[in-house]
């Protein structure tokens, strides 16, 4: 069985949202708490950092170049150097209580971004969508911590998870990609890992980082565990596919809220790992803007 290996000599605070650029053969990710987006080019080993004044909870690459990024206060378009260009909309939550956390682009090229409700006193987080014309709207609520966004290969289902509530949902999509009613797809018992960030492979299987669970898992379209891979750290945060054949799984992890003793005992907490897999993953689409 393959084992996860280190991508390179790097440890972050809260790495999230790994995103593969096939044209550049480069991996992008955000370190939310350090207010950074990173880029690592596999062939050259070049590591570049884009800094922001707020936490970038999630982002996506744009077809026109640059990023669409969900900062704590709102969602912006940036240039290729991460400089803010156009503000799309404010955070529909109270930004003092909820930052953006997880997101990505659907098969139609629209950007989805969910929030994390900081007080954790009720399900106050939201899932938003930015359409191709830059119109932004709230699509789902009754969430504590939005995570796990992925789309089935046939574009019929959207998967999301609510990490603090130990649940993965799936939502049916019509032929225009508009969502129906959200359904509970899989629940997890307390104490054995919670479903965090995710990715979809070409067989329609859902790969999830199991936060607090020391591992990642691959689930069948029916929700059965097909494969599990142990990690040398407690808290993986998200996975994405990449590499020349889309058969490399990149795994981000965190050291957020860990004691000095735990960081010393598990010094790779916050590192990025790779795993060679047999089934190719789905490409992450880039955000598509349609301007008049």
Protein backbone atom coordinates (compact mmCIF):
# COMPACT_ATOMS: atom_id res chain seq x y z
CA UNK A 1 0.00 0.00 0.00
CA UNK A 2 1.25 3.47 -0.84
CA UNK A 3 2.09 5.76 2.04
CA UNK A 4 1.81 9.56 2.16
CA UNK A 5 5.11 11.37 1.63
CA UNK A 6 6.18 14.96 2.26
CA UNK A 7 5.77 17.33 -0.67
CA UNK A 8 8.71 19.52 0.40
CA UNK A 9 10.30 21.08 3.48
CA UNK A 10 7.41 23.25 4.63
CA UNK A 11 5.20 23.50 7.70
CA UNK A 12 2.32 25.99 7.84
CA UNK A 13 -0.17 27.08 10.49
CA UNK A 14 -3.51 26.29 8.82
CA UNK A 15 -2.90 25.15 5.22
CA UNK A 16 -6.18 24.61 3.32
CA UNK A 17 -7.76 24.68 -0.14
CA UNK A 18 -5.03 22.88 -2.15
CA UNK A 19 -5.59 23.65 -5.84
CA UNK A 20 -3.70 22.14 -8.76
CA UNK A 21 -2.94 24.17 -11.88
CA UNK A 22 -2.43 21.64 -14.68
CA UNK A 23 -0.97 24.19 -17.11
CA UNK A 24 1.69 25.33 -14.63
CA UNK A 25 2.14 21.90 -12.99
CA UNK A 26 1.98 23.82 -9.72
CA UNK A 27 0.11 23.46 -6.45
CA UNK A 28 -1.57 26.44 -4.80
CA UNK A 29 -2.94 26.50 -1.25
CA UNK A 30 -3.94 28.97 1.42
CA UNK A 31 -2.58 29.30 4.94
CA UNK A 32 -5.67 30.89 6.45
CA UNK A 33 -4.27 32.06 9.78
CA UNK A 34 -1.08 33.45 8.20
CA UNK A 35 -3.17 35.38 5.61
CA UNK A 36 -1.30 33.82 2.69
CA UNK A 37 -1.76 31.96 -0.58
CA UNK A 38 1.18 29.76 -1.58
CA UNK A 39 2.37 28.36 -4.90
CA UNK A 40 4.81 25.46 -5.31
CA UNK A 41 6.04 24.47 -8.77
CA UNK A 42 6.85 20.77 -8.76
CA UNK A 43 9.59 20.66 -11.40
CA UNK A 44 11.57 23.72 -10.32
CA UNK A 45 10.82 23.59 -6.59
CA UNK A 46 10.00 27.31 -6.65
CA UNK A 47 7.90 28.34 -3.64
CA UNK A 48 6.08 31.67 -3.82
CA UNK A 49 3.91 33.39 -1.21
CA UNK A 50 1.12 35.94 -1.79
CA UNK A 51 0.22 37.94 1.33
CA UNK A 52 -3.15 39.45 2.27
CA UNK A 53 -4.39 41.70 5.06
CA UNK A 54 -7.17 39.29 6.02
CA UNK A 55 -7.60 35.54 6.22
CA UNK A 56 -8.15 33.94 2.79
CA UNK A 57 -10.51 31.13 3.74
CA UNK A 58 -10.64 29.71 0.22
CA UNK A 59 -9.90 30.70 -3.36
CA UNK A 60 -9.90 29.48 -6.94
CA UNK A 61 -7.90 30.21 -10.05
CA UNK A 62 -9.55 32.39 -12.71
CA UNK A 63 -9.68 31.60 -16.42
CA UNK A 64 -8.63 35.23 -16.99
CA UNK A 65 -5.66 34.89 -14.64
CA UNK A 66 -5.31 35.69 -10.96
CA UNK A 67 -7.55 34.49 -8.15
CA UNK A 68 -11.07 34.77 -6.85
CA UNK A 69 -10.50 34.81 -3.09
CA UNK A 70 -12.87 34.74 -0.12
CA UNK A 71 -11.33 36.99 2.53
CA UNK A 72 -12.89 37.41 5.95
CA UNK A 73 -14.74 40.60 4.99
CA UNK A 74 -15.78 39.60 1.48
CA UNK A 75 -14.99 38.03 -1.89
CA UNK A 76 -12.57 39.69 -4.33
CA UNK A 77 -10.97 39.23 -7.73
CA UNK A 78 -7.19 39.65 -7.74
CA UNK A 79 -4.49 39.85 -10.36
CA UNK A 80 -1.85 37.15 -10.86
CA UNK A 81 0.22 38.62 -8.01
CA UNK A 82 -2.64 38.53 -5.53
CA UNK A 83 -3.32 42.27 -5.64
CA UNK A 84 -6.98 43.06 -4.98
CA UNK A 85 -8.78 44.37 -8.08
CA UNK A 86 -12.57 44.06 -7.81
CA UNK A 87 -14.73 43.46 -4.76
CA UNK A 88 -17.63 41.13 -5.60
CA UNK A 89 -19.53 41.26 -2.33
CA UNK A 90 -19.40 41.37 1.46
CA UNK A 91 -19.33 38.37 3.73
CA UNK A 92 -23.07 37.72 4.31
CA UNK A 93 -22.27 36.57 7.84
CA UNK A 94 -21.01 38.93 10.53
CA UNK A 95 -17.28 38.89 9.67
CA UNK A 96 -16.38 39.40 13.34
CA UNK A 97 -17.97 36.02 14.06
CA UNK A 98 -17.57 34.03 10.84
CA UNK A 99 -14.82 33.85 8.24
CA UNK A 100 -14.87 32.03 4.93
CA UNK A 101 -13.50 28.51 5.20
CA UNK A 102 -13.96 26.16 2.22
CA UNK A 103 -14.86 26.59 -1.42
CA UNK A 104 -14.25 25.84 -5.06
CA UNK A 105 -15.63 26.04 -8.57
CA UNK A 106 -18.51 23.99 -9.97
CA UNK A 107 -18.62 22.42 -13.47
CA UNK A 108 -20.33 25.56 -14.82
CA UNK A 109 -17.42 27.74 -13.63
CA UNK A 110 -19.14 29.38 -10.65
CA UNK A 111 -17.38 29.91 -7.32
CA UNK A 112 -18.85 28.47 -4.11
CA UNK A 113 -17.59 29.58 -0.70
CA UNK A 114 -18.79 28.57 2.76
CA UNK A 115 -18.22 30.16 6.14
CA UNK A 116 -17.30 28.86 9.60
CA UNK A 117 -19.40 30.07 12.52
CA UNK A 118 -16.81 30.99 15.16
CA UNK A 119 -18.96 31.04 18.32
CA UNK A 120 -20.19 27.48 17.60
CA UNK A 121 -23.36 28.19 19.58
CA UNK A 122 -25.70 27.34 16.70
CA UNK A 123 -25.58 26.54 12.97
CA UNK A 124 -24.92 30.11 11.85
CA UNK A 125 -22.66 29.52 8.83
CA UNK A 126 -23.67 29.95 5.18
CA UNK A 127 -22.78 28.61 1.73
CA UNK A 128 -22.58 31.27 -0.99
CA UNK A 129 -22.17 31.22 -4.76
CA UNK A 130 -20.64 33.76 -7.13
CA UNK A 131 -22.13 33.36 -10.60
CA UNK A 132 -20.31 33.96 -13.87
CA UNK A 133 -21.72 37.51 -14.04
CA UNK A 134 -20.25 38.17 -10.55
CA UNK A 135 -23.66 38.11 -8.86
CA UNK A 136 -23.30 36.70 -5.35
CA UNK A 137 -26.03 34.94 -3.38
CA UNK A 138 -26.52 32.71 -0.33
CA UNK A 139 -27.43 29.17 -1.41
CA UNK A 140 -27.55 27.12 1.84
CA UNK A 141 -27.70 27.74 5.58
CA UNK A 142 -28.06 25.63 8.77
CA UNK A 143 -24.31 24.94 8.78
CA UNK A 144 -21.78 25.20 11.60
CA UNK A 145 -18.56 24.82 9.60
CA UNK A 146 -18.78 24.61 5.80
CA UNK A 147 -16.36 22.15 4.22
CA UNK A 148 -15.96 19.27 1.81
CA UNK A 149 -17.16 20.86 -1.44
CA UNK A 150 -16.94 18.51 -4.44
CA UNK A 151 -18.98 17.65 -7.53
CA UNK A 152 -19.75 14.25 -9.03
CA UNK A 153 -18.26 13.46 -12.46
CA UNK A 154 -21.73 13.52 -14.07
CA UNK A 155 -22.45 16.97 -12.49
CA UNK A 156 -25.63 15.60 -10.89
CA UNK A 157 -24.53 15.95 -7.26
CA UNK A 158 -22.82 18.53 -5.07
CA UNK A 159 -21.18 17.20 -1.92
CA UNK A 160 -20.49 19.30 1.18
CA UNK A 161 -19.55 18.51 4.75
CA UNK A 162 -20.20 20.20 8.08
CA UNK A 163 -17.08 19.29 10.02
CA UNK A 164 -18.13 20.21 13.60
CA UNK A 165 -21.44 18.41 13.06
CA UNK A 166 -19.79 15.19 11.79
CA UNK A 167 -21.84 14.99 8.59
CA UNK A 168 -21.46 14.89 4.80
CA UNK A 169 -24.37 16.11 2.68
CA UNK A 170 -25.14 15.76 -0.99
CA UNK A 171 -27.40 18.05 -2.97
CA UNK A 172 -28.97 17.14 -6.34
CA UNK A 173 -28.21 19.48 -9.24
CA UNK A 174 -30.40 20.00 -12.30
CA UNK A 175 -29.07 20.30 -15.85
CA UNK A 176 -28.27 24.00 -15.27
CA UNK A 177 -26.35 23.16 -12.09
CA UNK A 178 -29.02 24.62 -9.81
CA UNK A 179 -29.35 22.84 -6.45
CA UNK A 180 -32.33 21.00 -5.04
CA UNK A 181 -32.85 19.95 -1.42
CA UNK A 182 -29.77 18.99 0.60
CA UNK A 183 -29.69 15.39 1.86
CA UNK A 184 -27.67 13.71 4.61
CA UNK A 185 -25.26 11.36 2.85
CA UNK A 186 -23.05 10.08 5.68
CA UNK A 187 -22.64 10.75 9.41
CA UNK A 188 -19.60 10.03 11.57
CA UNK A 189 -19.40 8.97 15.23
CA UNK A 190 -17.65 11.27 17.66
CA UNK A 191 -14.01 10.58 18.43
CA UNK A 192 -12.86 8.96 15.18
CA UNK A 193 -12.33 11.89 12.83
CA UNK A 194 -14.60 14.48 11.27
CA UNK A 195 -15.10 15.06 7.51
CA UNK A 196 -13.14 18.12 6.41
CA UNK A 197 -12.01 19.18 2.92
CA UNK A 198 -12.56 16.79 0.03
CA UNK A 199 -12.04 15.95 -3.63
CA UNK A 200 -13.71 13.72 -6.21
CA UNK A 201 -12.07 11.09 -8.41
CA UNK A 202 -13.08 10.03 -11.90
CA UNK A 203 -14.98 6.98 -10.64
CA UNK A 204 -17.27 9.20 -8.56
CA UNK A 205 -15.60 8.32 -5.27
CA UNK A 206 -15.30 11.01 -2.61
CA UNK A 207 -11.97 11.50 -0.83
CA UNK A 208 -12.18 13.22 2.56
CA UNK A 209 -9.60 14.52 5.02
CA UNK A 210 -10.71 13.22 8.42
CA UNK A 211 -9.87 16.03 10.83
CA UNK A 212 -8.83 14.74 14.27
CA UNK A 213 -8.76 11.30 12.66
CA UNK A 214 -5.09 10.87 11.65
CA UNK A 215 -6.10 9.72 8.14
CA UNK A 216 -7.83 10.31 4.83
CA UNK A 217 -10.52 8.08 3.35
CA UNK A 218 -12.06 7.22 -0.01
CA UNK A 219 -15.82 6.65 -0.09
CA UNK A 220 -17.89 4.96 -2.78
CA UNK A 221 -20.85 6.84 -4.31
CA UNK A 222 -22.97 4.87 -1.82
CA UNK A 223 -20.92 6.13 1.15
CA UNK A 224 -18.95 2.95 1.85
CA UNK A 225 -15.33 3.25 2.96
CA UNK A 226 -13.17 1.79 0.19
CA UNK A 227 -9.69 2.89 1.27
CA UNK A 228 -8.04 4.61 4.24
CA UNK A 229 -4.51 6.01 4.54
CA UNK A 230 -2.90 6.84 7.85
CA UNK A 231 -1.00 10.08 8.38
CA UNK A 232 1.71 10.95 10.91
CA UNK A 233 -0.36 13.96 12.06
CA UNK A 234 -3.74 14.29 13.75
CA UNK A 235 -5.47 16.88 11.63
CA UNK A 236 -5.56 16.70 7.83
CA UNK A 237 -7.62 19.58 6.45
CA UNK A 238 -8.20 18.98 2.73
CA UNK A 239 -7.18 16.94 -0.31
CA UNK A 240 -6.93 17.63 -4.04
CA UNK A 241 -5.77 15.76 -7.11
CA UNK A 242 -2.91 16.82 -9.34
CA UNK A 243 0.24 15.71 -11.09
CA UNK A 244 0.71 15.02 -14.83
CA UNK A 245 -1.88 12.21 -14.84
CA UNK A 246 -4.04 13.53 -11.95
CA UNK A 247 -3.00 10.52 -9.87
CA UNK A 248 -1.25 12.42 -7.10
CA UNK A 249 -3.34 13.32 -4.06
CA UNK A 250 -2.12 16.41 -2.21
CA UNK A 251 -3.03 16.54 1.49
CA UNK A 252 -2.91 19.68 3.63
CA UNK A 253 -2.68 19.47 7.42
CA UNK A 254 -2.74 21.92 10.33
CA UNK A 255 -1.22 22.72 13.71
CA UNK A 256 -3.96 25.19 14.70
CA UNK A 257 -4.83 25.05 18.42
CA UNK A 258 -2.12 22.48 19.11
CA UNK A 259 0.02 22.73 22.22
CA UNK A 260 3.76 23.21 22.09
CA UNK A 261 4.08 19.65 23.34
CA UNK A 262 1.94 18.21 20.53
CA UNK A 263 3.80 20.19 17.87
CA UNK A 264 7.07 18.86 19.27
CA UNK A 265 5.75 15.30 19.31
CA UNK A 266 4.27 15.58 15.81
CA UNK A 267 6.48 18.14 14.05
CA UNK A 268 4.96 17.51 10.61
CA UNK A 269 1.62 18.95 11.71
CA UNK A 270 1.00 21.71 9.16
CA UNK A 271 2.99 19.97 6.40
CA UNK A 272 1.70 19.00 2.95
CA UNK A 273 1.78 15.35 1.94
CA UNK A 274 1.41 13.53 -1.38
CA UNK A 275 -0.09 10.13 -2.07
CA UNK A 276 0.09 8.18 -5.34
CA UNK A 277 -3.33 6.74 -6.20
CA UNK A 278 -4.60 4.30 -8.82
CA UNK A 279 -7.65 6.25 -10.00
CA UNK A 280 -7.24 9.70 -11.53
CA UNK A 281 -8.95 12.63 -9.87
CA UNK A 282 -11.23 15.24 -11.34
CA UNK A 283 -9.72 18.52 -12.53
CA UNK A 284 -10.78 21.58 -10.55
CA UNK A 285 -12.39 24.02 -12.98
CA UNK A 286 -11.26 27.64 -13.02
CA UNK A 287 -13.66 30.47 -12.26
CA UNK A 288 -15.28 31.68 -15.46
CA UNK A 289 -16.32 35.33 -15.76
CA UNK A 290 -18.84 36.46 -18.36
CA UNK A 291 -18.63 40.21 -18.82
CA UNK A 292 -20.98 42.34 -20.89
